[in-house]
Amino acid sequence: MAQDYLTPMEARQYLNRAYNITYSMAYMAKLRHTGGGACHIKLGSRVYYTQEDLDQWVEGRTQKRRTTSETPICANVIMTRRKHALRKPKAETGSRDLDIFEMLAGNPG
């Protein structure tokens, strides 16, 4: 069975029609660039989506909750936090720039 390939404009219209999700073309391009969007196929400079990939992407982004304060019920949603491992508390360092140059020179801390 041949799959129908959707252009980004058609994918945008499908998301709006099927899920009432409205994204701008620029935001969809940003998601493609950062890796946060649906799986897509690129042929030359043209981009295509399949309905199946769009459906899976929406399902992966959906969070089912009873209240806004609880963690999602879905097992496929992973909550992450950014961690700044190289940053030291300001009280320990006099100059952040000096610490970076020391790390580059191989003389930590």
N, C-alpha and C. Protein backbone atom coordinates (compact mmCIF):
# COMPACT_ATOMS: atom_id res chain seq x y z
N MET A 1 0.84 -1.19 0.00
CA MET A 1 0.00 0.00 0.00
C MET A 1 0.88 1.24 0.00
N ALA A 2 0.65 2.11 -0.95
CA ALA A 2 1.43 3.34 -1.06
C ALA A 2 0.97 4.36 -0.03
N GLN A 3 1.96 5.01 0.58
CA GLN A 3 1.64 6.04 1.56
C GLN A 3 1.49 7.38 0.86
N ASP A 4 0.61 8.19 1.40
CA ASP A 4 0.47 9.55 0.89
C ASP A 4 1.47 10.43 1.61
N TYR A 5 2.22 11.18 0.86
CA TYR A 5 3.19 12.10 1.44
C TYR A 5 2.59 13.50 1.44
N LEU A 6 2.71 14.16 2.58
CA LEU A 6 2.14 15.50 2.76
C LEU A 6 3.25 16.53 2.77
N THR A 7 3.03 17.63 2.09
CA THR A 7 3.94 18.76 2.19
C THR A 7 3.78 19.38 3.57
N PRO A 8 4.70 20.25 4.00
CA PRO A 8 4.52 20.90 5.30
C PRO A 8 3.19 21.65 5.42
N MET A 9 2.73 22.27 4.35
CA MET A 9 1.45 22.98 4.39
C MET A 9 0.30 21.99 4.57
N GLU A 10 0.34 20.88 3.85
CA GLU A 10 -0.71 19.86 3.99
C GLU A 10 -0.65 19.20 5.38
N ALA A 11 0.57 19.01 5.91
CA ALA A 11 0.72 18.45 7.26
C ALA A 11 0.13 19.40 8.29
N ARG A 12 0.36 20.67 8.11
CA ARG A 12 -0.20 21.69 9.00
C ARG A 12 -1.73 21.65 8.97
N GLN A 13 -2.29 21.54 7.78
CA GLN A 13 -3.74 21.47 7.63
C GLN A 13 -4.29 20.17 8.24
N TYR A 14 -3.56 19.07 8.09
CA TYR A 14 -4.00 17.80 8.67
C TYR A 14 -4.02 17.88 10.20
N LEU A 15 -2.97 18.45 10.80
CA LEU A 15 -2.93 18.59 12.26
C LEU A 15 -4.07 19.46 12.75
N ASN A 16 -4.40 20.50 12.00
CA ASN A 16 -5.50 21.39 12.39
C ASN A 16 -6.83 20.66 12.28
N ARG A 17 -7.01 19.92 11.21
CA ARG A 17 -8.27 19.21 10.98
C ARG A 17 -8.45 18.03 11.93
N ALA A 18 -7.40 17.24 12.13
CA ALA A 18 -7.52 16.01 12.91
C ALA A 18 -7.42 16.24 14.42
N TYR A 19 -6.59 17.21 14.84
CA TYR A 19 -6.32 17.39 16.27
C TYR A 19 -6.60 18.79 16.78
N ASN A 20 -7.04 19.68 15.92
CA ASN A 20 -7.27 21.08 16.28
C ASN A 20 -5.98 21.73 16.80
N ILE A 21 -4.86 21.36 16.20
CA ILE A 21 -3.55 21.92 16.53
C ILE A 21 -3.17 22.87 15.42
N THR A 22 -2.83 24.10 15.78
CA THR A 22 -2.46 25.09 14.78
C THR A 22 -1.03 25.54 15.03
N TYR A 23 -0.12 25.18 14.13
CA TYR A 23 1.26 25.63 14.17
C TYR A 23 1.54 26.44 12.92
N SER A 24 2.39 27.44 13.07
CA SER A 24 2.79 28.22 11.89
C SER A 24 3.82 27.41 11.10
N MET A 25 3.99 27.77 9.86
CA MET A 25 4.98 27.09 9.02
C MET A 25 6.39 27.30 9.59
N ALA A 26 6.64 28.49 10.13
CA ALA A 26 7.95 28.79 10.71
C ALA A 26 8.22 27.92 11.92
N TYR A 27 7.20 27.68 12.76
CA TYR A 27 7.38 26.85 13.94
C TYR A 27 7.62 25.40 13.54
N MET A 28 6.92 24.92 12.52
CA MET A 28 7.15 23.55 12.06
C MET A 28 8.58 23.40 11.51
N ALA A 29 9.07 24.43 10.82
CA ALA A 29 10.44 24.40 10.31
C ALA A 29 11.43 24.39 11.48
N LYS A 30 11.14 25.17 12.53
CA LYS A 30 12.01 25.19 13.70
C LYS A 30 12.03 23.82 14.38
N LEU A 31 10.87 23.17 14.50
CA LEU A 31 10.82 21.84 15.09
C LEU A 31 11.62 20.84 14.27
N ARG A 32 11.56 20.95 12.95
CA ARG A 32 12.37 20.06 12.08
C ARG A 32 13.85 20.29 12.34
N HIS A 33 14.23 21.55 12.47
CA HIS A 33 15.64 21.91 12.64
C HIS A 33 16.18 21.47 13.99
N THR A 34 15.38 21.62 15.05
CA THR A 34 15.85 21.28 16.39
C THR A 34 15.62 19.83 16.76
N GLY A 35 14.89 19.09 15.94
CA GLY A 35 14.65 17.69 16.21
C GLY A 35 13.42 17.43 17.06
N GLY A 36 12.59 18.42 17.26
CA GLY A 36 11.41 18.25 18.09
C GLY A 36 10.14 17.96 17.32
N GLY A 37 10.23 17.92 16.01
CA GLY A 37 9.04 17.73 15.20
C GLY A 37 8.81 16.27 14.83
N ALA A 38 7.80 16.06 14.03
CA ALA A 38 7.48 14.72 13.55
C ALA A 38 8.56 14.24 12.59
N CYS A 39 8.68 12.93 12.45
CA CYS A 39 9.61 12.37 11.47
C CYS A 39 9.21 12.87 10.08
N HIS A 40 10.19 13.20 9.29
CA HIS A 40 9.91 13.71 7.95
C HIS A 40 10.90 13.11 6.96
N ILE A 41 10.56 13.24 5.71
CA ILE A 41 11.38 12.74 4.62
C ILE A 41 11.84 13.94 3.81
N LYS A 42 13.11 13.97 3.48
CA LYS A 42 13.62 15.08 2.70
C LYS A 42 14.14 14.56 1.37
N LEU A 43 13.59 15.05 0.28
CA LEU A 43 14.03 14.71 -1.07
C LEU A 43 14.53 15.99 -1.72
N GLY A 44 15.84 16.10 -1.82
CA GLY A 44 16.41 17.34 -2.31
C GLY A 44 16.15 18.43 -1.28
N SER A 45 15.49 19.48 -1.70
CA SER A 45 15.15 20.56 -0.76
C SER A 45 13.70 20.46 -0.28
N ARG A 46 12.97 19.46 -0.74
CA ARG A 46 11.56 19.31 -0.37
C ARG A 46 11.39 18.42 0.85
N VAL A 47 10.43 18.78 1.68
CA VAL A 47 10.15 18.05 2.92
C VAL A 47 8.76 17.44 2.82
N TYR A 48 8.65 16.18 3.28
CA TYR A 48 7.36 15.48 3.26
C TYR A 48 7.13 14.77 4.59
N TYR A 49 5.87 14.66 4.97
CA TYR A 49 5.44 13.93 6.16
C TYR A 49 4.46 12.85 5.74
N THR A 50 4.28 11.85 6.61
CA THR A 50 3.19 10.89 6.42
C THR A 50 2.20 11.10 7.56
N GLN A 51 0.94 10.74 7.32
CA GLN A 51 -0.07 10.89 8.37
C GLN A 51 0.28 10.02 9.57
N GLU A 52 0.82 8.85 9.32
CA GLU A 52 1.20 7.95 10.42
C GLU A 52 2.26 8.59 11.32
N ASP A 53 3.27 9.23 10.72
CA ASP A 53 4.31 9.89 11.51
C ASP A 53 3.74 11.06 12.30
N LEU A 54 2.84 11.81 11.69
CA LEU A 54 2.21 12.94 12.39
C LEU A 54 1.37 12.44 13.56
N ASP A 55 0.62 11.34 13.35
CA ASP A 55 -0.20 10.78 14.42
C ASP A 55 0.67 10.30 15.59
N GLN A 56 1.77 9.62 15.28
CA GLN A 56 2.67 9.14 16.32
C GLN A 56 3.31 10.30 17.07
N TRP A 57 3.66 11.36 16.37
CA TRP A 57 4.26 12.54 16.99
C TRP A 57 3.29 13.20 17.97
N VAL A 58 2.03 13.36 17.54
CA VAL A 58 1.02 13.97 18.42
C VAL A 58 0.80 13.08 19.64
N GLU A 59 0.72 11.78 19.44
CA GLU A 59 0.52 10.85 20.57
C GLU A 59 1.68 10.93 21.55
N GLY A 60 2.89 11.08 21.04
CA GLY A 60 4.06 11.18 21.90
C GLY A 60 4.11 12.47 22.69
N ARG A 61 3.49 13.52 22.18
CA ARG A 61 3.49 14.81 22.88
C ARG A 61 2.30 14.97 23.82
N THR A 62 1.36 14.04 23.79
CA THR A 62 0.16 14.15 24.60
C THR A 62 0.45 13.69 26.02
N GLN A 63 0.03 14.50 26.98
CA GLN A 63 0.21 14.16 28.39
C GLN A 63 -1.16 14.05 29.04
N LYS A 64 -1.45 12.88 29.59
CA LYS A 64 -2.72 12.67 30.26
C LYS A 64 -2.53 12.89 31.76
N ARG A 65 -3.33 13.78 32.33
CA ARG A 65 -3.23 14.10 33.75
C ARG A 65 -4.61 14.24 34.36
N ARG A 66 -4.69 14.01 35.65
CA ARG A 66 -5.93 14.26 36.37
C ARG A 66 -5.97 15.70 36.87
N THR A 67 -4.80 16.20 37.32
CA THR A 67 -4.68 17.59 37.75
C THR A 67 -3.42 18.17 37.13
N THR A 68 -3.28 19.48 37.17
CA THR A 68 -2.10 20.11 36.58
C THR A 68 -0.86 19.94 37.44
N SER A 69 -1.02 19.56 38.71
CA SER A 69 0.14 19.45 39.60
C SER A 69 0.77 18.06 39.60
N GLU A 70 0.14 17.05 39.00
CA GLU A 70 0.73 15.72 39.02
C GLU A 70 1.55 15.46 37.78
N THR A 71 2.40 14.44 37.87
CA THR A 71 3.20 14.05 36.71
C THR A 71 2.30 13.31 35.72
N PRO A 72 2.67 13.29 34.46
CA PRO A 72 1.84 12.62 33.45
C PRO A 72 1.64 11.14 33.75
N ILE A 73 0.48 10.64 33.38
CA ILE A 73 0.13 9.23 33.58
C ILE A 73 0.81 8.36 32.52
N CYS A 74 0.98 8.89 31.32
CA CYS A 74 1.54 8.11 30.22
C CYS A 74 2.98 7.70 30.52
N ALA A 75 3.30 6.47 30.21
CA ALA A 75 4.66 5.97 30.45
C ALA A 75 5.63 6.46 29.39
N ASN A 76 5.12 6.88 28.23
CA ASN A 76 6.03 7.26 27.15
C ASN A 76 6.46 8.73 27.23
N VAL A 77 6.02 9.47 28.24
CA VAL A 77 6.41 10.87 28.40
C VAL A 77 7.48 10.94 29.48
N ILE A 78 8.62 11.48 29.13
CA ILE A 78 9.72 11.59 30.09
C ILE A 78 9.95 13.07 30.35
N MET A 79 9.86 13.44 31.62
CA MET A 79 10.10 14.81 32.00
C MET A 79 11.61 14.98 32.25
N THR A 80 12.22 16.00 31.66
CA THR A 80 13.64 16.23 31.84
C THR A 80 13.87 17.66 32.29
N ARG A 81 15.01 17.89 32.93
CA ARG A 81 15.42 19.23 33.33
C ARG A 81 16.81 19.47 32.79
N ARG A 82 17.07 20.71 32.45
CA ARG A 82 18.42 21.05 32.02
C ARG A 82 19.32 21.12 33.24
N LYS A 83 20.48 20.55 33.11
CA LYS A 83 21.44 20.58 34.20
C LYS A 83 22.68 21.31 33.73
N HIS A 84 23.16 22.19 34.56
CA HIS A 84 24.35 22.97 34.25
C HIS A 84 25.50 22.39 35.05
N ALA A 85 26.09 21.33 34.54
CA ALA A 85 27.09 20.58 35.29
C ALA A 85 28.39 21.36 35.48
N LEU A 86 28.76 22.17 34.51
CA LEU A 86 30.04 22.86 34.61
C LEU A 86 29.97 24.14 35.45
N ARG A 87 28.79 24.61 35.75
CA ARG A 87 28.67 25.85 36.51
C ARG A 87 28.90 25.62 37.98
N LYS A 88 29.73 26.47 38.56
CA LYS A 88 29.94 26.44 40.00
C LYS A 88 29.12 27.57 40.61
N PRO A 89 28.74 27.44 41.87
CA PRO A 89 28.04 28.54 42.52
C PRO A 89 28.90 29.80 42.49
N LYS A 90 28.29 30.97 42.38
CA LYS A 90 29.03 32.22 42.26
C LYS A 90 29.91 32.50 43.47
N ALA A 91 29.52 32.00 44.64
CA ALA A 91 30.30 32.25 45.84
C ALA A 91 31.68 31.60 45.76
N GLU A 92 31.81 30.51 45.00
CA GLU A 92 33.08 29.79 44.91
C GLU A 92 34.02 30.39 43.87
N THR A 93 33.52 31.08 42.89
CA THR A 93 34.37 31.57 41.81
C THR A 93 34.38 33.09 41.80
N GLY A 94 35.54 33.63 41.53
CA GLY A 94 35.66 35.08 41.43
C GLY A 94 35.24 35.56 40.06
N SER A 95 35.70 34.85 39.02
CA SER A 95 35.39 35.23 37.66
C SER A 95 35.07 33.99 36.86
N ARG A 96 33.92 33.98 36.24
CA ARG A 96 33.52 32.82 35.43
C ARG A 96 34.43 32.67 34.22
N ASP A 97 34.87 33.80 33.63
CA ASP A 97 35.75 33.74 32.48
C ASP A 97 37.09 33.08 32.83
N LEU A 98 37.62 33.39 33.98
CA LEU A 98 38.88 32.81 34.41
C LEU A 98 38.73 31.30 34.56
N ASP A 99 37.63 30.83 35.12
CA ASP A 99 37.41 29.40 35.29
C ASP A 99 37.38 28.68 33.94
N ILE A 100 36.76 29.27 32.94
CA ILE A 100 36.69 28.66 31.61
C ILE A 100 38.09 28.57 31.02
N PHE A 101 38.89 29.63 31.14
CA PHE A 101 40.25 29.60 30.61
C PHE A 101 41.10 28.59 31.36
N GLU A 102 40.90 28.45 32.68
CA GLU A 102 41.63 27.46 33.44
C GLU A 102 41.27 26.04 32.98
N MET A 103 39.97 25.80 32.70
CA MET A 103 39.55 24.48 32.24
C MET A 103 40.18 24.17 30.89
N LEU A 104 40.23 25.18 29.99
CA LEU A 104 40.82 24.96 28.68
C LEU A 104 42.32 24.67 28.78
N ALA A 105 42.99 25.30 29.76
CA ALA A 105 44.42 25.09 29.94
C ALA A 105 44.72 23.80 30.67
N GLY A 106 43.68 23.15 31.21
CA GLY A 106 43.90 21.90 31.92
C GLY A 106 44.20 22.08 33.40
N ASN A 107 43.97 23.28 33.94
CA ASN A 107 44.20 23.55 35.36
C ASN A 107 42.88 23.82 36.05
N PRO A 108 42.09 22.78 36.37
CA PRO A 108 40.79 23.03 36.99
C PRO A 108 40.93 23.61 38.39
N GLY A 109 40.07 24.54 38.66
CA GLY A 109 39.80 25.06 39.91
C GLY A 109 40.56 25.75 40.82
